[in-house]
Amino acid sequence: FLYGTANDELRAERLWNYEIAWRQGLCDGAVNYGVNLFLMEGDNMIMTVAGKNINSGKFLNRGAELEASWRINSHWRLNTNHTLLHMNKPIEGNPKYKGYLGADMNYGKWTATAGAMQVSGLYTIASSDVKQSFTLVNATVGYQLNKNIRLWAKGENLLGEKYEYISGYQMPGATFMGGVNLCF
């Protein structure tokens, strides 16, 4: 599919998005892959840089997303996705590269998900050349106690990475939580 959208408001802000995507499944859905190409064109957008609102001027960002998954058997699935972004003007909170590799397991009453995400070239201040790179590892395990009760535990940022998406706003270190889902 291919589509474009525009946003024209009173302040003459303009944002155009174009995307084209292709998805393919093989082996009765056991293997899936796809690619998405995108282009974002903007003019006179308001951006916050170091706590101040500034006019972005014109910008043109383009990139590609690649994804794949493989259902190995009835218990295991591997999945990955990768995004590459080229920005002619840095935009706060947007990385040049983001990639994920994960695995899902489902065995009887047990489920587990684990994955690692690599972020590289993340601008935390749009007008700066300072970029961050980090790796996040997350995992979740669940147990279906009965048809109405599911127990789960989750760990995020298991490596305790120190990172920010926006300058001055530190993201949490290793975080653990658990819970019970009730379905009646």
Protein backbone atom coordinates (compact mmCIF):
# COMPACT_ATOMS: atom_id res chain seq x y z
CA PHE A 1 0.00 0.00 0.00
CA LEU A 2 1.02 3.60 -0.54
CA TYR A 3 -0.44 6.61 1.17
CA GLY A 4 0.30 10.22 2.00
CA THR A 5 -1.22 12.55 4.58
CA ALA A 6 -0.94 16.25 5.26
CA ASN A 7 -1.50 18.34 8.36
CA ASP A 8 -2.02 22.08 7.71
CA GLU A 9 -2.95 24.15 10.76
CA LEU A 10 -3.30 27.87 11.46
CA ARG A 11 0.45 28.31 12.08
CA ALA A 12 1.28 27.04 8.56
CA GLU A 13 2.69 23.80 9.98
CA ARG A 14 2.94 21.04 7.42
CA LEU A 15 3.77 17.38 7.75
CA TRP A 16 3.60 14.85 4.91
CA ASN A 17 4.09 11.11 5.44
CA TYR A 18 4.51 8.54 2.68
CA GLU A 19 4.84 4.79 3.21
CA ILE A 20 5.00 1.72 1.05
CA ALA A 21 5.09 -1.75 2.59
CA TRP A 22 5.34 -5.35 1.44
CA ARG A 23 4.68 -8.46 3.57
CA GLN A 24 5.13 -12.11 2.65
CA GLY A 25 4.29 -15.36 4.43
CA LEU A 26 5.76 -18.77 3.62
CA CYS A 27 5.36 -22.35 4.81
CA ASP A 28 1.74 -21.94 5.93
CA GLY A 29 2.62 -18.86 7.99
CA ALA A 30 5.63 -20.38 9.77
CA VAL A 31 7.91 -17.76 8.17
CA ASN A 32 6.89 -14.14 7.69
CA TYR A 33 8.96 -11.22 6.50
CA GLY A 34 8.46 -7.73 5.21
CA VAL A 35 9.87 -4.33 4.39
CA ASN A 36 8.44 -0.86 4.87
CA LEU A 37 9.91 2.24 3.21
CA PHE A 38 8.91 5.65 4.50
CA LEU A 39 9.45 9.35 3.86
CA MET A 40 8.50 12.23 6.15
CA GLU A 41 8.59 15.80 4.89
CA GLY A 42 7.88 18.74 7.19
CA ASP A 43 7.92 22.51 7.23
CA ASN A 44 7.50 25.02 10.09
CA MET A 45 6.96 22.37 12.77
CA ILE A 46 7.44 23.47 16.37
CA MET A 47 10.17 21.47 18.15
CA THR A 48 11.35 21.73 21.74
CA VAL A 49 15.13 22.06 22.05
CA ALA A 50 16.72 22.57 25.49
CA GLY A 51 13.34 23.62 26.91
CA LYS A 52 12.64 26.20 24.18
CA ASN A 53 10.17 25.98 21.32
CA ILE A 54 11.84 26.57 17.96
CA ASN A 55 10.75 26.39 14.32
CA SER A 56 12.10 23.30 12.58
CA GLY A 57 12.29 24.88 9.15
CA LYS A 58 12.11 22.31 6.36
CA PHE A 59 13.16 18.72 6.94
CA LEU A 60 13.14 15.48 5.00
CA ASN A 61 13.54 12.17 6.84
CA ARG A 62 13.50 8.77 5.18
CA GLY A 63 14.09 5.23 6.23
CA ALA A 64 13.30 1.54 6.06
CA GLU A 65 11.91 -1.06 8.44
CA LEU A 66 12.70 -4.75 8.01
CA GLU A 67 10.97 -7.54 9.94
CA ALA A 68 10.96 -11.32 10.06
CA SER A 69 9.52 -14.08 12.23
CA TRP A 70 9.91 -17.84 12.27
CA ARG A 71 7.61 -20.26 14.09
CA ILE A 72 10.12 -23.05 14.71
CA ASN A 73 7.51 -25.44 16.12
CA SER A 74 4.33 -25.28 18.21
CA HIS A 75 6.35 -24.06 21.23
CA TRP A 76 8.93 -21.60 19.85
CA ARG A 77 8.93 -18.46 17.72
CA LEU A 78 11.85 -16.15 16.84
CA ASN A 79 11.26 -12.60 15.66
CA THR A 80 13.36 -9.63 14.65
CA ASN A 81 12.84 -6.13 13.32
CA HIS A 82 15.20 -3.34 12.33
CA THR A 83 14.67 0.33 11.50
CA LEU A 84 17.15 2.56 9.71
CA LEU A 85 16.43 6.32 9.69
CA HIS A 86 18.21 9.04 7.73
CA MET A 87 17.46 12.56 9.00
CA ASN A 88 18.66 15.67 7.22
CA LYS A 89 17.89 17.47 10.53
CA PRO A 90 18.09 15.60 13.84
CA ILE A 91 14.78 15.15 15.67
CA GLU A 92 14.87 14.65 19.43
CA GLY A 93 14.07 11.08 20.52
CA ASN A 94 14.71 9.51 17.10
CA PRO A 95 17.60 7.05 16.58
CA LYS A 96 19.47 6.35 13.36
CA TYR A 97 19.11 2.60 14.03
CA LYS A 98 16.88 0.46 16.21
CA GLY A 99 16.96 -3.34 16.10
CA TYR A 100 15.22 -6.10 18.07
CA LEU A 101 15.79 -9.83 18.36
CA GLY A 102 13.47 -11.91 20.50
CA ALA A 103 12.08 -15.35 21.23
CA ASP A 104 8.66 -16.48 22.47
CA MET A 105 7.98 -19.82 24.16
CA ASN A 106 4.62 -21.42 24.87
CA TYR A 107 4.64 -24.80 26.58
CA GLY A 108 1.50 -26.05 28.29
CA LYS A 109 0.57 -23.53 30.99
CA TRP A 110 3.92 -21.69 30.70
CA THR A 111 4.77 -18.74 28.44
CA ALA A 112 8.00 -16.78 28.21
CA THR A 113 9.25 -13.91 26.10
CA ALA A 114 12.79 -12.54 26.00
CA GLY A 115 14.37 -9.99 23.73
CA ALA A 116 17.16 -7.52 23.20
CA MET A 117 16.82 -4.11 21.55
CA GLN A 118 19.80 -2.14 20.27
CA VAL A 119 19.40 1.63 19.80
CA SER A 120 22.19 3.55 18.06
CA GLY A 121 22.60 7.19 17.12
CA LEU A 122 19.74 8.49 19.30
CA TYR A 123 19.53 12.28 19.41
CA THR A 124 18.47 13.47 22.87
CA ILE A 125 18.80 17.12 21.84
CA ALA A 126 17.71 17.91 18.29
CA SER A 127 20.25 20.68 17.65
CA SER A 128 23.22 18.70 18.99
CA ASP A 129 25.67 16.23 17.54
CA VAL A 130 25.53 14.24 20.80
CA LYS A 131 24.03 10.79 20.22
CA GLN A 132 23.40 7.84 22.54
CA SER A 133 23.63 4.12 21.96
CA PHE A 134 22.39 1.42 24.32
CA THR A 135 21.07 -2.14 24.55
CA LEU A 136 17.93 -3.09 26.46
CA VAL A 137 17.16 -6.67 27.51
CA ASN A 138 13.64 -7.53 28.71
CA ALA A 139 12.00 -10.82 29.75
CA THR A 140 8.55 -11.95 30.84
CA VAL A 141 7.37 -15.31 32.18
CA GLY A 142 3.77 -16.35 32.77
CA TYR A 143 1.88 -19.31 34.20
CA GLN A 144 -1.82 -20.03 33.56
CA LEU A 145 -2.94 -21.29 36.99
CA ASN A 146 -6.45 -22.09 35.74
CA LYS A 147 -8.81 -20.74 33.07
CA ASN A 148 -9.42 -17.54 35.08
CA ILE A 149 -6.06 -16.81 36.75
CA ARG A 150 -2.71 -16.07 35.10
CA LEU A 151 0.44 -15.27 37.12
CA TRP A 152 3.29 -13.29 35.55
CA ALA A 153 6.68 -11.73 36.30
CA LYS A 154 8.56 -9.24 34.17
CA GLY A 155 12.02 -7.69 34.10
CA GLU A 156 12.89 -4.64 31.98
CA ASN A 157 16.29 -3.11 31.24
CA LEU A 158 17.92 -6.14 32.85
CA LEU A 159 21.40 -4.83 32.02
CA GLY A 160 20.72 -1.64 33.99
CA GLU A 161 21.60 0.62 31.05
CA LYS A 162 21.68 4.37 31.71
CA TYR A 163 19.99 6.22 28.85
CA GLU A 164 17.66 9.09 27.95
CA TYR A 165 15.25 9.59 25.07
CA ILE A 166 15.03 13.30 25.91
CA SER A 167 17.96 15.16 27.45
CA GLY A 168 17.61 15.49 31.22
CA TYR A 169 15.00 12.73 31.62
CA GLN A 170 16.85 9.59 32.74
CA MET A 171 15.01 6.34 32.05
CA PRO A 172 14.73 3.77 34.88
CA GLY A 173 17.44 1.18 35.49
CA ALA A 174 16.60 -2.50 35.93
CA THR A 175 12.91 -2.80 36.84
CA PHE A 176 11.03 -5.87 38.07
CA MET A 177 7.31 -6.39 38.48
CA GLY A 178 4.79 -9.15 38.79
CA GLY A 179 1.08 -9.60 38.88
CA VAL A 180 -2.05 -11.63 38.54
CA ASN A 181 -4.50 -11.39 35.64
CA LEU A 182 -8.07 -12.31 36.56
CA CYS A 183 -10.49 -13.14 33.75
CA PHE A 184 -14.08 -13.87 34.78
